[in-house]
């Protein structure tokens, strides 16, 4: 699927991101708090932004706090990454590092 990534705004090949991670679909709280249609909802985002989201946030955090595209775009680290990615050419690939890894020297 091709389109505009809602995180970085680039026209890119998009991957499906479950707003509520599939590993959390059978959680009791999830079943109680969300309709089935909401649980199954996906959005298209580019691979670098998708990887960054999963590097920054845990599955539980995604389920409970960051379960809409508006909330994801409001996350400070994701917003900053999206702004940085917006200046990169189509097809640009980057190494994704978790928040805990930032500031550590890269090992090659």
C-alpha atoms as a PDB file:
ATOM      1  CA  UNK A   1       0.000   0.000   0.000  1.00  0.00           C
ATOM      2  CA  UNK A   2       1.303   3.445  -0.926  1.00  0.00           C
ATOM      3  CA  UNK A   3       0.277   6.760   0.563  1.00  0.00           C
ATOM      4  CA  UNK A   4       1.236   9.588   2.862  1.00  0.00           C
ATOM      5  CA  UNK A   5       2.573   8.617   6.279  1.00  0.00           C
ATOM      6  CA  UNK A   6       0.585  10.445   8.987  1.00  0.00           C
ATOM      7  CA  UNK A   7       3.695  10.677  11.210  1.00  0.00           C
ATOM      8  CA  UNK A   8       6.292  12.127   8.814  1.00  0.00           C
ATOM      9  CA  UNK A   9       4.096  13.220   5.913  1.00  0.00           C
ATOM     10  CA  UNK A  10       6.235  11.530   3.239  1.00  0.00           C
ATOM     11  CA  UNK A  11       4.716   9.662   0.283  1.00  0.00           C
ATOM     12  CA  UNK A  12       5.965   6.158   0.931  1.00  0.00           C
ATOM     13  CA  UNK A  13       5.152   2.464   0.964  1.00  0.00           C
ATOM     14  CA  UNK A  14       3.055   2.041   4.094  1.00  0.00           C
ATOM     15  CA  UNK A  15       2.878  -0.802   6.609  1.00  0.00           C
ATOM     16  CA  UNK A  16      -0.181  -1.680   8.707  1.00  0.00           C
ATOM     17  CA  UNK A  17       0.074  -0.542  12.318  1.00  0.00           C
ATOM     18  CA  UNK A  18      -2.522  -1.876  14.761  1.00  0.00           C
ATOM     19  CA  UNK A  19      -3.480   1.033  17.013  1.00  0.00           C
ATOM     20  CA  UNK A  20      -4.079  -1.582  19.711  1.00  0.00           C
ATOM     21  CA  UNK A  21      -1.307  -4.202  19.328  1.00  0.00           C
ATOM     22  CA  UNK A  22      -2.451  -7.676  18.302  1.00  0.00           C
ATOM     23  CA  UNK A  23      -0.738  -9.173  21.350  1.00  0.00           C
ATOM     24  CA  UNK A  24      -3.155  -7.134  23.505  1.00  0.00           C
ATOM     25  CA  UNK A  25      -6.389  -8.018  21.627  1.00  0.00           C
ATOM     26  CA  UNK A  26      -7.388 -10.756  24.088  1.00  0.00           C
ATOM     27  CA  UNK A  27      -6.663  -8.746  27.225  1.00  0.00           C
ATOM     28  CA  UNK A  28      -9.733  -8.570  29.541  1.00  0.00           C
ATOM     29  CA  UNK A  29      -9.399  -4.821  30.107  1.00  0.00           C
ATOM     30  CA  UNK A  30      -9.127  -4.335  26.369  1.00  0.00           C
ATOM     31  CA  UNK A  31     -12.303  -6.352  25.715  1.00  0.00           C
ATOM     32  CA  UNK A  32     -14.140  -4.367  28.381  1.00  0.00           C
ATOM     33  CA  UNK A  33     -12.942  -0.897  27.296  1.00  0.00           C
ATOM     34  CA  UNK A  34     -12.998  -1.133  23.483  1.00  0.00           C
ATOM     35  CA  UNK A  35     -15.462  -2.297  20.825  1.00  0.00           C
ATOM     36  CA  UNK A  36     -14.184  -5.074  18.557  1.00  0.00           C
ATOM     37  CA  UNK A  37     -14.048  -2.674  15.579  1.00  0.00           C
ATOM     38  CA  UNK A  38     -11.731  -0.335  17.486  1.00  0.00           C
ATOM     39  CA  UNK A  39      -9.490  -3.200  18.596  1.00  0.00           C
ATOM     40  CA  UNK A  40      -9.043  -4.357  14.981  1.00  0.00           C
ATOM     41  CA  UNK A  41      -8.364  -0.839  13.598  1.00  0.00           C
ATOM     42  CA  UNK A  42      -5.135  -0.298  11.650  1.00  0.00           C
ATOM     43  CA  UNK A  43      -3.446   2.697  10.031  1.00  0.00           C
ATOM     44  CA  UNK A  44      -0.849   2.881   7.291  1.00  0.00           C
ATOM     45  CA  UNK A  45       2.529   4.318   8.290  1.00  0.00           C
ATOM     46  CA  UNK A  46       5.988   4.114   6.722  1.00  0.00           C
ATOM     47  CA  UNK A  47       8.449   1.485   7.947  1.00  0.00           C
ATOM     48  CA  UNK A  48      10.863   3.898   9.715  1.00  0.00           C
ATOM     49  CA  UNK A  49       8.041   5.573  11.674  1.00  0.00           C
ATOM     50  CA  UNK A  50       6.484   2.176  12.459  1.00  0.00           C
ATOM     51  CA  UNK A  51       9.784   0.866  13.802  1.00  0.00           C
ATOM     52  CA  UNK A  52      10.323   4.037  15.841  1.00  0.00           C
ATOM     53  CA  UNK A  53       6.890   3.758  17.472  1.00  0.00           C
ATOM     54  CA  UNK A  54       7.633   0.199  18.604  1.00  0.00           C
ATOM     55  CA  UNK A  55      11.135   1.157  19.769  1.00  0.00           C
ATOM     56  CA  UNK A  56       9.801   3.959  21.971  1.00  0.00           C
ATOM     57  CA  UNK A  57       6.547   2.533  23.338  1.00  0.00           C
ATOM     58  CA  UNK A  58       5.673  -0.814  24.878  1.00  0.00           C
ATOM     59  CA  UNK A  59       2.670  -2.779  23.670  1.00  0.00           C
ATOM     60  CA  UNK A  60       0.854  -1.990  26.918  1.00  0.00           C
ATOM     61  CA  UNK A  61       1.552   1.755  26.521  1.00  0.00           C
ATOM     62  CA  UNK A  62       0.292   1.614  22.928  1.00  0.00           C
ATOM     63  CA  UNK A  63      -2.908  -0.097  24.060  1.00  0.00           C
ATOM     64  CA  UNK A  64      -3.663   2.139  27.023  1.00  0.00           C
ATOM     65  CA  UNK A  65      -2.350   5.611  26.174  1.00  0.00           C
ATOM     66  CA  UNK A  66      -1.253   5.925  22.540  1.00  0.00           C
ATOM     67  CA  UNK A  67      -4.106   4.140  20.718  1.00  0.00           C
ATOM     68  CA  UNK A  68      -5.050   6.840  18.179  1.00  0.00           C
ATOM     69  CA  UNK A  69      -3.066   8.482  15.404  1.00  0.00           C
ATOM     70  CA  UNK A  70      -3.644  11.875  17.055  1.00  0.00           C
ATOM     71  CA  UNK A  71      -2.116  10.675  20.316  1.00  0.00           C
ATOM     72  CA  UNK A  72       0.840   9.043  18.541  1.00  0.00           C
ATOM     73  CA  UNK A  73       1.550  12.262  16.626  1.00  0.00           C
ATOM     74  CA  UNK A  74       1.413  14.186  19.923  1.00  0.00           C
ATOM     75  CA  UNK A  75       4.076  11.989  21.583  1.00  0.00           C
ATOM     76  CA  UNK A  76       7.198  14.221  21.877  1.00  0.00           C
ATOM     77  CA  UNK A  77       9.739  11.642  20.671  1.00  0.00           C
ATOM     78  CA  UNK A  78       7.552  10.390  17.835  1.00  0.00           C
ATOM     79  CA  UNK A  79       6.739  13.956  16.746  1.00  0.00           C
ATOM     80  CA  UNK A  80      10.448  14.851  16.773  1.00  0.00           C
ATOM     81  CA  UNK A  81      11.295  11.716  14.763  1.00  0.00           C
ATOM     82  CA  UNK A  82       8.503  12.484  12.254  1.00  0.00           C
ATOM     83  CA  UNK A  83       9.820  16.015  11.770  1.00  0.00           C
ATOM     84  CA  UNK A  84      13.323  14.635  11.168  1.00  0.00           C
ATOM     85  CA  UNK A  85      12.043  11.956   8.760  1.00  0.00           C
ATOM     86  CA  UNK A  86       9.966  14.496   6.831  1.00  0.00           C
ATOM     87  CA  UNK A  87      13.201  15.919   5.397  1.00  0.00           C
ATOM     88  CA  UNK A  88      14.458  12.528   4.168  1.00  0.00           C
ATOM     89  CA  UNK A  89      13.948  11.250   0.603  1.00  0.00           C
ATOM     90  CA  UNK A  90      11.514   8.498  -0.299  1.00  0.00           C
ATOM     91  CA  UNK A  91      12.950   5.062   0.496  1.00  0.00           C
ATOM     92  CA  UNK A  92      15.302   6.415   3.180  1.00  0.00           C
ATOM     93  CA  UNK A  93      16.146   3.759   5.764  1.00  0.00           C
ATOM     94  CA  UNK A  94      17.499   4.479   9.217  1.00  0.00           C
ATOM     95  CA  UNK A  95      18.650   2.550  12.250  1.00  0.00           C
ATOM     96  CA  UNK A  96      16.015   2.672  14.976  1.00  0.00           C
ATOM     97  CA  UNK A  97      17.255   2.971  18.534  1.00  0.00           C
ATOM     98  CA  UNK A  98      15.164   2.835  21.671  1.00  0.00           C
ATOM     99  CA  UNK A  99      14.998   5.766  24.081  1.00  0.00           C
ATOM    100  CA  UNK A 100      17.290   3.868  26.465  1.00  0.00           C
ATOM    101  CA  UNK A 101      19.908   3.489  23.725  1.00  0.00           C
ATOM    102  CA  UNK A 102      20.037   7.156  22.762  1.00  0.00           C
ATOM    103  CA  UNK A 103      23.312   8.740  23.629  1.00  0.00           C
ATOM    104  CA  UNK A 104      25.162   5.430  23.528  1.00  0.00           C
ATOM    105  CA  UNK A 105      27.861   5.073  20.895  1.00  0.00           C
ATOM    106  CA  UNK A 106      26.919   2.955  17.882  1.00  0.00           C
ATOM    107  CA  UNK A 107      28.783  -0.323  17.654  1.00  0.00           C
ATOM    108  CA  UNK A 108      29.993  -1.274  14.188  1.00  0.00           C
END
